[in-house]
Amino acid sequence: MSESRAVRPEDVLPDELDVGTMNGVSVRKGTIGAFVANVKLLEGLDPTDPGYQEVVDQLRALVPAVRAVGVFDVLAPRSPVLAEIIAES
């Protein structure tokens, strides 16, 4: 039987690195945090707000890295708007 142990952040990306390659995609440190922050921003914006499209564009840009990390393998979006952004990216 193989020995299992919890994965720590530094096991995924050592402290001295800012970028890692996951499933062939370059992923910057902070990507997941930025994605979550933008999802929260989007929830508070009306689609007519001047900043709305900027947040949508940033989310679309982050989706490939978030997907490469495997977030969507274990979590599903609650927001239909976010689900659409993910599906289109």
PDB file of N, CA and C in Angstrom:
ATOM      1  N   MET A   1       0.852  -1.178   0.000  1.00  0.00           N
ATOM      2  CA  MET A   1       0.000   0.000   0.000  1.00  0.00           C
ATOM      3  C   MET A   1       0.894   1.236   0.000  1.00  0.00           C
ATOM      4  N   SER A   2       0.551   2.228  -0.824  1.00  0.00           N
ATOM      5  CA  SER A   2       1.356   3.443  -0.879  1.00  0.00           C
ATOM      6  C   SER A   2       1.010   4.362   0.283  1.00  0.00           C
ATOM      7  N   GLU A   3       1.987   5.121   0.685  1.00  0.00           N
ATOM      8  CA  GLU A   3       1.787   6.055   1.795  1.00  0.00           C
ATOM      9  C   GLU A   3       1.198   7.358   1.258  1.00  0.00           C
ATOM     10  N   SER A   4       0.115   7.801   1.833  1.00  0.00           N
ATOM     11  CA  SER A   4      -0.519   9.061   1.426  1.00  0.00           C
ATOM     12  C   SER A   4      -0.223  10.131   2.456  1.00  0.00           C
ATOM     13  N   ARG A   5      -0.090  11.351   1.966  1.00  0.00           N
ATOM     14  CA  ARG A   5       0.047  12.481   2.885  1.00  0.00           C
ATOM     15  C   ARG A   5      -0.587  13.696   2.234  1.00  0.00           C
ATOM     16  N   ALA A   6      -0.977  14.610   3.051  1.00  0.00           N
ATOM     17  CA  ALA A   6      -1.609  15.826   2.561  1.00  0.00           C
ATOM     18  C   ALA A   6      -0.628  16.621   1.702  1.00  0.00           C
ATOM     19  N   VAL A   7      -1.156  17.328   0.722  1.00  0.00           N
ATOM     20  CA  VAL A   7      -0.356  18.176  -0.154  1.00  0.00           C
ATOM     21  C   VAL A   7      -0.350  19.586   0.412  1.00  0.00           C
ATOM     22  N   ARG A   8       0.826  20.130   0.582  1.00  0.00           N
ATOM     23  CA  ARG A   8       0.986  21.487   1.095  1.00  0.00           C
ATOM     24  C   ARG A   8       1.207  22.444  -0.072  1.00  0.00           C
ATOM     25  N   PRO A   9       0.914  23.718   0.087  1.00  0.00           N
ATOM     26  CA  PRO A   9       1.131  24.672  -1.000  1.00  0.00           C
ATOM     27  C   PRO A   9       2.551  24.613  -1.570  1.00  0.00           C
ATOM     28  N   GLU A  10       3.540  24.491  -0.701  1.00  0.00           N
ATOM     29  CA  GLU A  10       4.927  24.456  -1.175  1.00  0.00           C
ATOM     30  C   GLU A  10       5.261  23.172  -1.939  1.00  0.00           C
ATOM     31  N   ASP A  11       4.424  22.130  -1.808  1.00  0.00           N
ATOM     32  CA  ASP A  11       4.599  20.922  -2.613  1.00  0.00           C
ATOM     33  C   ASP A  11       4.173  21.177  -4.058  1.00  0.00           C
ATOM     34  N   VAL A  12       3.223  22.072  -4.238  1.00  0.00           N
ATOM     35  CA  VAL A  12       2.712  22.408  -5.568  1.00  0.00           C
ATOM     36  C   VAL A  12       3.597  23.450  -6.235  1.00  0.00           C
ATOM     37  N   LEU A  13       3.944  24.484  -5.489  1.00  0.00           N
ATOM     38  CA  LEU A  13       4.784  25.560  -6.025  1.00  0.00           C
ATOM     39  C   LEU A  13       5.689  26.058  -4.901  1.00  0.00           C
ATOM     40  N   PRO A  14       6.978  25.726  -4.976  1.00  0.00           N
ATOM     41  CA  PRO A  14       7.900  26.150  -3.917  1.00  0.00           C
ATOM     42  C   PRO A  14       7.901  27.666  -3.730  1.00  0.00           C
ATOM     43  N   ASP A  15       8.227  28.093  -2.515  1.00  0.00           N
ATOM     44  CA  ASP A  15       8.212  29.515  -2.177  1.00  0.00           C
ATOM     45  C   ASP A  15       9.033  30.369  -3.134  1.00  0.00           C
ATOM     46  N   GLU A  16      10.149  29.844  -3.612  1.00  0.00           N
ATOM     47  CA  GLU A  16      11.037  30.657  -4.457  1.00  0.00           C
ATOM     48  C   GLU A  16      10.552  30.792  -5.898  1.00  0.00           C
ATOM     49  N   LEU A  17       9.498  30.091  -6.266  1.00  0.00           N
ATOM     50  CA  LEU A  17       8.952  30.182  -7.624  1.00  0.00           C
ATOM     51  C   LEU A  17       7.664  30.989  -7.646  1.00  0.00           C
ATOM     52  N   ASP A  18       7.451  31.720  -8.736  1.00  0.00           N
ATOM     53  CA  ASP A  18       6.218  32.487  -8.906  1.00  0.00           C
ATOM     54  C   ASP A  18       5.306  31.879  -9.959  1.00  0.00           C
ATOM     55  N   VAL A  19       5.858  30.963 -10.771  1.00  0.00           N
ATOM     56  CA  VAL A  19       5.102  30.346 -11.864  1.00  0.00           C
ATOM     57  C   VAL A  19       5.425  28.861 -11.897  1.00  0.00           C
ATOM     58  N   GLY A  20       4.389  28.058 -12.146  1.00  0.00           N
ATOM     59  CA  GLY A  20       4.579  26.624 -12.325  1.00  0.00           C
ATOM     60  C   GLY A  20       3.821  26.164 -13.549  1.00  0.00           C
ATOM     61  N   THR A  21       4.214  25.031 -14.093  1.00  0.00           N
ATOM     62  CA  THR A  21       3.500  24.470 -15.236  1.00  0.00           C
ATOM     63  C   THR A  21       2.654  23.315 -14.741  1.00  0.00           C
ATOM     64  N   MET A  22       1.357  23.408 -14.997  1.00  0.00           N
ATOM     65  CA  MET A  22       0.410  22.387 -14.570  1.00  0.00           C
ATOM     66  C   MET A  22      -0.426  21.965 -15.763  1.00  0.00           C
ATOM     67  N   ASN A  23      -0.343  20.688 -16.077  1.00  0.00           N
ATOM     68  CA  ASN A  23      -1.053  20.160 -17.237  1.00  0.00           C
ATOM     69  C   ASN A  23      -0.756  20.972 -18.495  1.00  0.00           C
ATOM     70  N   GLY A  24       0.510  21.368 -18.650  1.00  0.00           N
ATOM     71  CA  GLY A  24       0.935  22.071 -19.843  1.00  0.00           C
ATOM     72  C   GLY A  24       0.618  23.561 -19.882  1.00  0.00           C
ATOM     73  N   VAL A  25       0.068  24.096 -18.804  1.00  0.00           N
ATOM     74  CA  VAL A  25      -0.310  25.510 -18.753  1.00  0.00           C
ATOM     75  C   VAL A  25       0.536  26.215 -17.694  1.00  0.00           C
ATOM     76  N   SER A  26       1.077  27.363 -18.046  1.00  0.00           N
ATOM     77  CA  SER A  26       1.828  28.168 -17.099  1.00  0.00           C
ATOM     78  C   SER A  26       0.848  28.843 -16.142  1.00  0.00           C
ATOM     79  N   VAL A  27       1.035  28.602 -14.841  1.00  0.00           N
ATOM     80  CA  VAL A  27       0.122  29.130 -13.823  1.00  0.00           C
ATOM     81  C   VAL A  27       0.914  29.970 -12.830  1.00  0.00           C
ATOM     82  N   ARG A  28       0.560  31.243 -12.745  1.00  0.00           N
ATOM     83  CA  ARG A  28       1.213  32.151 -11.789  1.00  0.00           C
ATOM     84  C   ARG A  28       0.694  31.927 -10.377  1.00  0.00           C
ATOM     85  N   LYS A  29       1.579  32.150  -9.428  1.00  0.00           N
ATOM     86  CA  LYS A  29       1.171  32.157  -8.024  1.00  0.00           C
ATOM     87  C   LYS A  29       0.156  33.283  -7.869  1.00  0.00           C
ATOM     88  N   GLY A  30      -0.937  33.046  -7.213  1.00  0.00           N
ATOM     89  CA  GLY A  30      -1.968  34.061  -7.036  1.00  0.00           C
ATOM     90  C   GLY A  30      -3.134  33.931  -7.996  1.00  0.00           C
ATOM     91  N   THR A  31      -3.029  33.008  -8.949  1.00  0.00           N
ATOM     92  CA  THR A  31      -4.083  32.852  -9.960  1.00  0.00           C
ATOM     93  C   THR A  31      -5.425  32.497  -9.337  1.00  0.00           C
ATOM     94  N   ILE A  32      -5.436  31.543  -8.438  1.00  0.00           N
ATOM     95  CA  ILE A  32      -6.705  31.113  -7.830  1.00  0.00           C
ATOM     96  C   ILE A  32      -7.288  32.247  -6.996  1.00  0.00           C
ATOM     97  N   GLY A  33      -6.438  32.949  -6.250  1.00  0.00           N
ATOM     98  CA  GLY A  33      -6.907  34.084  -5.455  1.00  0.00           C
ATOM     99  C   GLY A  33      -7.497  35.182  -6.322  1.00  0.00           C
ATOM    100  N   ALA A  34      -6.848  35.473  -7.455  1.00  0.00           N
ATOM    101  CA  ALA A  34      -7.361  36.494  -8.373  1.00  0.00           C
ATOM    102  C   ALA A  34      -8.687  36.052  -8.982  1.00  0.00           C
ATOM    103  N   PHE A  35      -8.786  34.771  -9.319  1.00  0.00           N
ATOM    104  CA  PHE A  35     -10.026  34.251  -9.897  1.00  0.00           C
ATOM    105  C   PHE A  35     -11.181  34.418  -8.906  1.00  0.00           C
ATOM    106  N   VAL A  36     -10.962  34.006  -7.668  1.00  0.00           N
ATOM    107  CA  VAL A  36     -12.003  34.113  -6.638  1.00  0.00           C
ATOM    108  C   VAL A  36     -12.371  35.576  -6.394  1.00  0.00           C
ATOM    109  N   ALA A  37     -11.386  36.455  -6.315  1.00  0.00           N
ATOM    110  CA  ALA A  37     -11.654  37.881  -6.094  1.00  0.00           C
ATOM    111  C   ALA A  37     -12.502  38.454  -7.231  1.00  0.00           C
ATOM    112  N   ASN A  38     -12.194  38.056  -8.463  1.00  0.00           N
ATOM    113  CA  ASN A  38     -12.976  38.547  -9.597  1.00  0.00           C
ATOM    114  C   ASN A  38     -14.384  37.970  -9.632  1.00  0.00           C
ATOM    115  N   VAL A  39     -14.546  36.730  -9.222  1.00  0.00           N
ATOM    116  CA  VAL A  39     -15.896  36.158  -9.137  1.00  0.00           C
ATOM    117  C   VAL A  39     -16.725  36.957  -8.137  1.00  0.00           C
ATOM    118  N   LYS A  40     -16.130  37.275  -7.001  1.00  0.00           N
ATOM    119  CA  LYS A  40     -16.841  38.070  -5.995  1.00  0.00           C
ATOM    120  C   LYS A  40     -17.174  39.464  -6.522  1.00  0.00           C
ATOM    121  N   LEU A  41     -16.235  40.077  -7.245  1.00  0.00           N
ATOM    122  CA  LEU A  41     -16.505  41.381  -7.854  1.00  0.00           C
ATOM    123  C   LEU A  41     -17.675  41.291  -8.827  1.00  0.00           C
ATOM    124  N   LEU A  42     -17.653  40.268  -9.663  1.00  0.00           N
ATOM    125  CA  LEU A  42     -18.692  40.100 -10.680  1.00  0.00           C
ATOM    126  C   LEU A  42     -20.075  39.988 -10.045  1.00  0.00           C
ATOM    127  N   GLU A  43     -20.149  39.283  -8.927  1.00  0.00           N
ATOM    128  CA  GLU A  43     -21.436  39.102  -8.242  1.00  0.00           C
ATOM    129  C   GLU A  43     -22.044  40.423  -7.805  1.00  0.00           C
ATOM    130  N   GLY A  44     -21.199  41.420  -7.539  1.00  0.00           N
ATOM    131  CA  GLY A  44     -21.693  42.710  -7.065  1.00  0.00           C
ATOM    132  C   GLY A  44     -21.880  43.747  -8.160  1.00  0.00           C
ATOM    133  N   LEU A  45     -21.594  43.386  -9.394  1.00  0.00           N
ATOM    134  CA  LEU A  45     -21.694  44.350 -10.490  1.00  0.00           C
ATOM    135  C   LEU A  45     -22.927  44.112 -11.350  1.00  0.00           C
ATOM    136  N   ASP A  46     -23.525  45.183 -11.763  1.00  0.00           N
ATOM    137  CA  ASP A  46     -24.603  45.122 -12.747  1.00  0.00           C
ATOM    138  C   ASP A  46     -23.940  45.000 -14.120  1.00  0.00           C
ATOM    139  N   PRO A  47     -24.517  44.220 -15.030  1.00  0.00           N
ATOM    140  CA  PRO A  47     -23.927  44.086 -16.367  1.00  0.00           C
ATOM    141  C   PRO A  47     -23.749  45.413 -17.109  1.00  0.00           C
ATOM    142  N   THR A  48     -24.458  46.459 -16.700  1.00  0.00           N
ATOM    143  CA  THR A  48     -24.304  47.767 -17.345  1.00  0.00           C
ATOM    144  C   THR A  48     -23.170  48.589 -16.734  1.00  0.00           C
ATOM    145  N   ASP A  49     -22.602  48.107 -15.631  1.00  0.00           N
ATOM    146  CA  ASP A  49     -21.495  48.810 -14.972  1.00  0.00           C
ATOM    147  C   ASP A  49     -20.291  48.844 -15.914  1.00  0.00           C
ATOM    148  N   PRO A  50     -19.618  49.993 -16.011  1.00  0.00           N
ATOM    149  CA  PRO A  50     -18.455  50.102 -16.904  1.00  0.00           C
ATOM    150  C   PRO A  50     -17.345  49.080 -16.610  1.00  0.00           C
ATOM    151  N   GLY A  51     -17.206  48.644 -15.372  1.00  0.00           N
ATOM    152  CA  GLY A  51     -16.162  47.680 -15.012  1.00  0.00           C
ATOM    153  C   GLY A  51     -16.537  46.230 -15.223  1.00  0.00           C
ATOM    154  N   TYR A  52     -17.787  45.974 -15.513  1.00  0.00           N
ATOM    155  CA  TYR A  52     -18.287  44.598 -15.639  1.00  0.00           C
ATOM    156  C   TYR A  52     -17.502  43.814 -16.703  1.00  0.00           C
ATOM    157  N   GLN A  53     -17.372  44.380 -17.890  1.00  0.00           N
ATOM    158  CA  GLN A  53     -16.707  43.647 -18.981  1.00  0.00           C
ATOM    159  C   GLN A  53     -15.238  43.397 -18.674  1.00  0.00           C
ATOM    160  N   GLU A  54     -14.599  44.315 -17.983  1.00  0.00           N
ATOM    161  CA  GLU A  54     -13.196  44.120 -17.600  1.00  0.00           C
ATOM    162  C   GLU A  54     -13.055  42.901 -16.684  1.00  0.00           C
ATOM    163  N   VAL A  55     -13.979  42.767 -15.737  1.00  0.00           N
ATOM    164  CA  VAL A  55     -13.947  41.620 -14.824  1.00  0.00           C
ATOM    165  C   VAL A  55     -14.224  40.330 -15.597  1.00  0.00           C
ATOM    166  N   VAL A  56     -15.202  40.352 -16.493  1.00  0.00           N
ATOM    167  CA  VAL A  56     -15.509  39.168 -17.315  1.00  0.00           C
ATOM    168  C   VAL A  56     -14.292  38.779 -18.145  1.00  0.00           C
ATOM    169  N   ASP A  57     -13.651  39.749 -18.759  1.00  0.00           N
ATOM    170  CA  ASP A  57     -12.465  39.475 -19.583  1.00  0.00           C
ATOM    171  C   ASP A  57     -11.339  38.870 -18.746  1.00  0.00           C
ATOM    172  N   GLN A  58     -11.144  39.390 -17.548  1.00  0.00           N
ATOM    173  CA  GLN A  58     -10.098  38.849 -16.673  1.00  0.00           C
ATOM    174  C   GLN A  58     -10.426  37.422 -16.264  1.00  0.00           C
ATOM    175  N   LEU A  59     -11.679  37.151 -15.947  1.00  0.00           N
ATOM    176  CA  LEU A  59     -12.079  35.778 -15.612  1.00  0.00           C
ATOM    177  C   LEU A  59     -11.813  34.839 -16.784  1.00  0.00           C
ATOM    178  N   ARG A  60     -12.183  35.266 -17.979  1.00  0.00           N
ATOM    179  CA  ARG A  60     -11.930  34.433 -19.172  1.00  0.00           C
ATOM    180  C   ARG A  60     -10.443  34.150 -19.336  1.00  0.00           C
ATOM    181  N   ALA A  61      -9.616  35.143 -19.064  1.00  0.00           N
ATOM    182  CA  ALA A  61      -8.166  34.966 -19.184  1.00  0.00           C
ATOM    183  C   ALA A  61      -7.623  33.987 -18.138  1.00  0.00           C
ATOM    184  N   LEU A  62      -8.252  33.938 -16.981  1.00  0.00           N
ATOM    185  CA  LEU A  62      -7.793  33.072 -15.897  1.00  0.00           C
ATOM    186  C   LEU A  62      -8.314  31.645 -15.995  1.00  0.00           C
ATOM    187  N   VAL A  63      -9.416  31.423 -16.700  1.00  0.00           N
ATOM    188  CA  VAL A  63     -10.041  30.101 -16.760  1.00  0.00           C
ATOM    189  C   VAL A  63      -9.070  28.995 -17.175  1.00  0.00           C
ATOM    190  N   PRO A  64      -8.253  29.157 -18.219  1.00  0.00           N
ATOM    191  CA  PRO A  64      -7.364  28.042 -18.590  1.00  0.00           C
ATOM    192  C   PRO A  64      -6.429  27.604 -17.458  1.00  0.00           C
ATOM    193  N   ALA A  65      -5.885  28.553 -16.715  1.00  0.00           N
ATOM    194  CA  ALA A  65      -4.994  28.206 -15.611  1.00  0.00           C
ATOM    195  C   ALA A  65      -5.769  27.548 -14.476  1.00  0.00           C
ATOM    196  N   VAL A  66      -6.941  28.074 -14.162  1.00  0.00           N
ATOM    197  CA  VAL A  66      -7.757  27.498 -13.091  1.00  0.00           C
ATOM    198  C   VAL A  66      -8.182  26.080 -13.474  1.00  0.00           C
ATOM    199  N   ARG A  67      -8.504  25.887 -14.741  1.00  0.00           N
ATOM    200  CA  ARG A  67      -8.861  24.556 -15.241  1.00  0.00           C
ATOM    201  C   ARG A  67      -7.656  23.604 -15.146  1.00  0.00           C
ATOM    202  N   ALA A  68      -6.471  24.098 -15.517  1.00  0.00           N
ATOM    203  CA  ALA A  68      -5.262  23.267 -15.491  1.00  0.00           C
ATOM    204  C   ALA A  68      -4.924  22.808 -14.078  1.00  0.00           C
ATOM    205  N   VAL A  69      -5.194  23.651 -13.106  1.00  0.00           N
ATOM    206  CA  VAL A  69      -4.944  23.292 -11.710  1.00  0.00           C
ATOM    207  C   VAL A  69      -5.926  22.206 -11.251  1.00  0.00           C
ATOM    208  N   GLY A  70      -7.090  22.142 -11.876  1.00  0.00           N
ATOM    209  CA  GLY A  70      -8.070  21.116 -11.536  1.00  0.00           C
ATOM    210  C   GLY A  70      -9.225  21.604 -10.686  1.00  0.00           C
ATOM    211  N   VAL A  71      -9.359  22.901 -10.538  1.00  0.00           N
ATOM    212  CA  VAL A  71     -10.420  23.447  -9.683  1.00  0.00           C
ATOM    213  C   VAL A  71     -11.801  22.972 -10.149  1.00  0.00           C
ATOM    214  N   PHE A  72     -12.038  22.984 -11.461  1.00  0.00           N
ATOM    215  CA  PHE A  72     -13.361  22.629 -11.962  1.00  0.00           C
ATOM    216  C   PHE A  72     -13.620  21.124 -11.917  1.00  0.00           C
ATOM    217  N   ASP A  73     -12.590  20.338 -11.589  1.00  0.00           N
ATOM    218  CA  ASP A  73     -12.782  18.899 -11.390  1.00  0.00           C
ATOM    219  C   ASP A  73     -13.403  18.611 -10.029  1.00  0.00           C
ATOM    220  N   VAL A  74     -13.262  19.552  -9.105  1.00  0.00           N
ATOM    221  CA  VAL A  74     -13.760  19.316  -7.744  1.00  0.00           C
ATOM    222  C   VAL A  74     -14.796  20.335  -7.278  1.00  0.00           C
ATOM    223  N   LEU A  75     -14.918  21.452  -7.991  1.00  0.00           N
ATOM    224  CA  LEU A  75     -15.877  22.494  -7.624  1.00  0.00           C
ATOM    225  C   LEU A  75     -16.667  22.918  -8.849  1.00  0.00           C
ATOM    226  N   ALA A  76     -17.926  23.238  -8.637  1.00  0.00           N
ATOM    227  CA  ALA A  76     -18.786  23.711  -9.727  1.00  0.00           C
ATOM    228  C   ALA A  76     -19.266  25.125  -9.399  1.00  0.00           C
ATOM    229  N   PRO A  77     -19.343  25.984 -10.413  1.00  0.00           N
ATOM    230  CA  PRO A  77     -19.819  27.347 -10.153  1.00  0.00           C
ATOM    231  C   PRO A  77     -21.290  27.361  -9.765  1.00  0.00           C
ATOM    232  N   ARG A  78     -21.642  28.243  -8.857  1.00  0.00           N
ATOM    233  CA  ARG A  78     -23.046  28.422  -8.475  1.00  0.00           C
ATOM    234  C   ARG A  78     -23.740  29.416  -9.386  1.00  0.00           C
ATOM    235  N   SER A  79     -22.980  30.346  -9.892  1.00  0.00           N
ATOM    236  CA  SER A  79     -23.523  31.412 -10.716  1.00  0.00           C
ATOM    237  C   SER A  79     -23.674  30.959 -12.167  1.00  0.00           C
ATOM    238  N   PRO A  80     -24.858  31.122 -12.745  1.00  0.00           N
ATOM    239  CA  PRO A  80     -25.034  30.796 -14.161  1.00  0.00           C
ATOM    240  C   PRO A  80     -24.142  31.650 -15.065  1.00  0.00           C
ATOM    241  N   VAL A  81     -23.898  32.898 -14.674  1.00  0.00           N
ATOM    242  CA  VAL A  81     -23.031  33.772 -15.466  1.00  0.00           C
ATOM    243  C   VAL A  81     -21.604  33.229 -15.455  1.00  0.00           C
ATOM    244  N   LEU A  82     -21.118  32.831 -14.288  1.00  0.00           N
ATOM    245  CA  LEU A  82     -19.773  32.263 -14.200  1.00  0.00           C
ATOM    246  C   LEU A  82     -19.693  30.950 -14.970  1.00  0.00           C
ATOM    247  N   ALA A  83     -20.710  30.124 -14.879  1.00  0.00           N
ATOM    248  CA  ALA A  83     -20.732  28.848 -15.612  1.00  0.00           C
ATOM    249  C   ALA A  83     -20.622  29.116 -17.112  1.00  0.00           C
ATOM    250  N   GLU A  84     -21.284  30.145 -17.583  1.00  0.00           N
ATOM    251  CA  GLU A  84     -21.230  30.502 -19.003  1.00  0.00           C
ATOM    252  C   GLU A  84     -19.823  30.988 -19.387  1.00  0.00           C
ATOM    253  N   ILE A  85     -19.220  31.798 -18.545  1.00  0.00           N
ATOM    254  CA  ILE A  85     -17.857  32.283 -18.805  1.00  0.00           C
ATOM    255  C   ILE A  85     -16.894  31.100 -18.896  1.00  0.00           C
ATOM    256  N   ILE A  86     -17.023  30.175 -17.981  1.00  0.00           N
ATOM    257  CA  ILE A  86     -16.145  28.986 -17.968  1.00  0.00           C
ATOM    258  C   ILE A  86     -16.377  28.140 -19.219  1.00  0.00           C
ATOM    259  N   ALA A  87     -17.624  27.936 -19.582  1.00  0.00           N
ATOM    260  CA  ALA A  87     -17.945  27.117 -20.755  1.00  0.00           C
ATOM    261  C   ALA A  87     -17.418  27.733 -22.039  1.00  0.00           C
ATOM    262  N   GLU A  88     -17.396  29.048 -22.124  1.00  0.00           N
ATOM    263  CA  GLU A  88     -16.941  29.749 -23.328  1.00  0.00           C
ATOM    264  C   GLU A  88     -15.425  29.824 -23.424  1.00  0.00           C
ATOM    265  N   SER A  89     -14.739  29.571 -22.328  1.00  0.00           N
ATOM    266  CA  SER A  89     -13.269  29.759 -22.307  1.00  0.00           C
ATOM    267  C   SER A  89     -12.538  28.450 -22.548  1.00  0.00           C
TER     268      SER A  89
END
